[in-house]
Amino acid sequence: MRVAIRVRPGASRTRVGGRYGDALVVALQARAVDGAATEAALAALADALGVRRRHVALVTGATSRDKVVEVDDTATRGDAAARVAELLDA
């Protein structure tokens, strides 16, 4: 399953939830330096979805705030779409 995310680096705390257009917002304490924010965003999304980090992969947007990630559906037992919908409304 592919998920569009909008990364907001430099936030006061890391959190996943909310909507930016059609994308899921991932606010991070990490700064956008040397890919730290991208890695932190993938880890935060994996944690929010209840999967291991290795089940979340970056598809596009390595240097952009707008990213598309692939979540392994088999790891989420088909529950990822429902969880993403909940997070979008948070």
Protein backbone atom coordinates (compact mmCIF):
# COMPACT_ATOMS: atom_id res chain seq x y z
CA MET A 1 0.00 0.00 0.00
CA ARG A 2 1.34 3.44 -0.89
CA VAL A 3 0.89 6.40 1.43
CA ALA A 4 1.59 10.06 0.65
CA ILE A 5 3.15 11.89 3.59
CA ARG A 6 4.07 15.51 4.29
CA VAL A 7 7.10 15.86 6.56
CA ARG A 8 7.39 18.81 8.95
CA PRO A 9 10.93 18.76 10.37
CA GLY A 10 11.91 20.76 13.43
CA ALA A 11 8.66 20.28 15.34
CA SER A 12 8.60 20.45 19.13
CA ARG A 13 7.75 16.73 19.26
CA THR A 14 7.42 13.83 16.85
CA ARG A 15 3.85 12.91 15.95
CA VAL A 16 1.93 11.33 13.10
CA GLY A 17 -1.55 12.58 12.30
CA GLY A 18 -3.48 15.19 10.45
CA ARG A 19 -3.94 16.04 6.84
CA TYR A 20 -2.07 18.22 4.36
CA GLY A 21 -4.15 18.01 1.19
CA ASP A 22 -4.38 14.27 0.63
CA ALA A 23 -1.14 13.52 2.50
CA LEU A 24 -0.64 12.29 6.05
CA VAL A 25 1.35 14.75 8.19
CA VAL A 26 4.45 13.48 9.97
CA ALA A 27 5.87 16.14 12.34
CA LEU A 28 9.44 15.46 13.48
CA GLN A 29 11.89 16.79 16.01
CA ALA A 30 14.70 15.84 13.61
CA ARG A 31 16.08 18.52 11.33
CA ALA A 32 16.25 18.13 7.56
CA VAL A 33 20.00 17.50 7.45
CA ASP A 34 21.69 14.61 5.62
CA GLY A 35 18.49 12.56 5.36
CA ALA A 36 17.86 12.52 9.12
CA ALA A 37 14.30 13.79 8.72
CA THR A 38 13.48 11.21 6.05
CA GLU A 39 14.74 8.33 8.18
CA ALA A 40 12.94 9.69 11.24
CA ALA A 41 9.72 10.07 9.21
CA LEU A 42 9.84 6.46 8.05
CA ALA A 43 10.51 5.25 11.60
CA ALA A 44 7.67 7.38 13.02
CA LEU A 45 5.23 6.15 10.38
CA ALA A 46 6.20 2.52 11.02
CA ASP A 47 5.65 3.04 14.74
CA ALA A 48 2.27 4.71 14.16
CA LEU A 49 1.15 1.84 11.95
CA GLY A 50 2.44 -0.78 14.35
CA VAL A 51 4.95 -2.37 11.97
CA ARG A 52 8.71 -2.74 11.95
CA ARG A 53 10.76 -0.07 10.22
CA ARG A 54 11.86 -2.53 7.52
CA HIS A 55 8.23 -2.81 6.34
CA VAL A 56 8.14 0.87 5.34
CA ALA A 57 10.13 1.97 2.28
CA LEU A 58 10.60 5.34 0.59
CA VAL A 59 9.32 5.38 -2.99
CA THR A 60 9.77 9.05 -3.96
CA GLY A 61 10.74 12.34 -2.34
CA ALA A 62 14.11 11.69 -0.72
CA THR A 63 14.90 15.41 -0.55
CA SER A 64 11.36 16.78 -0.50
CA ARG A 65 8.87 17.39 2.28
CA ASP A 66 6.30 15.55 0.16
CA LYS A 67 7.08 11.83 0.05
CA VAL A 68 5.44 8.61 -1.03
CA VAL A 69 6.15 5.51 1.01
CA GLU A 70 5.31 1.86 0.49
CA VAL A 71 3.95 -0.07 3.48
CA ASP A 72 4.13 -3.86 3.32
CA ASP A 73 0.48 -5.00 3.52
CA THR A 74 1.41 -8.47 4.73
CA ALA A 75 3.09 -6.97 7.81
CA THR A 76 -0.01 -5.01 8.77
CA ARG A 77 -2.45 -7.88 8.29
CA GLY A 78 -4.55 -5.64 6.02
CA ASP A 79 -5.10 -3.13 8.82
CA ALA A 80 -2.86 -0.36 7.42
CA ALA A 81 -5.53 1.36 5.32
CA ALA A 82 -7.86 1.70 8.30
CA ARG A 83 -5.06 2.99 10.52
CA VAL A 84 -3.96 5.55 7.91
CA ALA A 85 -7.59 6.76 7.63
CA GLU A 86 -7.69 7.21 11.43
CA LEU A 87 -4.41 9.14 11.40
CA LEU A 88 -5.58 11.41 8.58
CA ASP A 89 -8.58 12.43 10.69
CA ALA A 90 -6.52 12.93 13.86
